[in-house]
Amino acid sequence: MIINLLETINQLSVVLLLLCTFFYYWHLKRTKRQRKLTTFEFWMFFTIKIAIFVGASSYVLLFLDRNYG
């Protein structure tokens, strides 16, 4: 019972972090149109792009492994 609750809380936190990441990426993209990004903002923008790509790729690979493995 408690394990299921902890897994649910963990999944909700991952969803919340992903949602915040998308909003911050959107904010940086909008800021980039208005002015040049600072060094920190540029690296955050770059890191978020890579993290989204790696996360989506790993999810697809895990999904394919479950269905075809």
Protein backbone atom coordinates (compact mmCIF):
# COMPACT_ATOMS: atom_id res chain seq x y z
CA MET A 1 0.00 0.00 0.00
CA ILE A 2 2.65 2.53 1.02
CA ILE A 3 4.84 1.49 -1.94
CA ASN A 4 2.02 2.29 -4.35
CA LEU A 5 1.57 5.69 -2.73
CA LEU A 6 5.29 6.44 -3.00
CA GLU A 7 5.36 5.34 -6.65
CA THR A 8 2.39 7.58 -7.39
CA ILE A 9 4.05 10.55 -5.67
CA ASN A 10 7.24 9.86 -7.63
CA GLN A 11 5.34 9.76 -10.94
CA LEU A 12 3.53 13.00 -10.09
CA SER A 13 6.81 14.72 -9.27
CA VAL A 14 8.28 13.61 -12.61
CA VAL A 15 5.25 14.98 -14.45
CA LEU A 16 5.48 18.25 -12.52
CA LEU A 17 9.20 18.59 -13.28
CA LEU A 18 8.56 17.88 -16.96
CA LEU A 19 5.80 20.47 -17.06
CA CYS A 20 8.03 23.08 -15.41
CA THR A 21 10.81 22.25 -17.85
CA PHE A 22 8.54 22.86 -20.83
CA PHE A 23 7.34 26.17 -19.41
CA TYR A 24 10.89 27.31 -18.70
CA TYR A 25 11.96 26.25 -22.21
CA TRP A 26 9.04 28.23 -23.65
CA HIS A 27 10.03 31.24 -21.54
CA LEU A 28 13.65 31.06 -22.74
CA LYS A 29 12.53 30.69 -26.34
CA ARG A 30 10.37 33.81 -26.00
CA THR A 31 13.19 35.70 -24.28
CA LYS A 32 15.58 34.67 -27.06
CA ARG A 33 13.32 36.42 -29.60
CA GLN A 34 13.37 39.65 -27.58
CA ARG A 35 17.06 39.83 -26.67
CA LYS A 36 20.27 37.85 -26.62
CA LEU A 37 20.33 35.21 -23.89
CA THR A 38 22.88 35.44 -21.11
CA THR A 39 25.47 32.67 -20.86
CA PHE A 40 23.52 30.93 -18.10
CA GLU A 41 20.23 31.20 -20.01
CA PHE A 42 21.88 29.85 -23.17
CA TRP A 43 23.25 26.80 -21.36
CA MET A 44 19.90 26.16 -19.68
CA PHE A 45 18.18 26.41 -23.08
CA PHE A 46 20.71 23.97 -24.57
CA THR A 47 20.55 21.57 -21.59
CA ILE A 48 16.76 21.47 -21.63
CA LYS A 49 16.75 20.63 -25.35
CA ILE A 50 19.17 17.74 -24.80
CA ALA A 51 17.30 16.51 -21.69
CA ILE A 52 13.96 16.43 -23.50
CA PHE A 53 15.51 14.54 -26.42
CA VAL A 54 17.28 12.00 -24.18
CA GLY A 55 14.20 11.52 -22.00
CA ALA A 56 11.90 10.98 -24.97
CA SER A 57 14.38 8.62 -26.64
CA SER A 58 14.82 6.52 -23.51
CA TYR A 59 11.05 6.35 -23.03
CA VAL A 60 10.56 5.12 -26.60
CA LEU A 61 13.33 2.53 -26.21
CA LEU A 62 11.84 1.26 -22.95
CA PHE A 63 8.40 1.12 -24.55
CA LEU A 64 9.74 -0.87 -27.50
CA ASP A 65 11.65 -3.21 -25.18
CA ARG A 66 8.49 -3.99 -23.21
CA ASN A 67 6.46 -4.70 -26.34
CA TYR A 68 9.01 -6.56 -28.45
CA GLY A 69 11.55 -7.87 -25.92
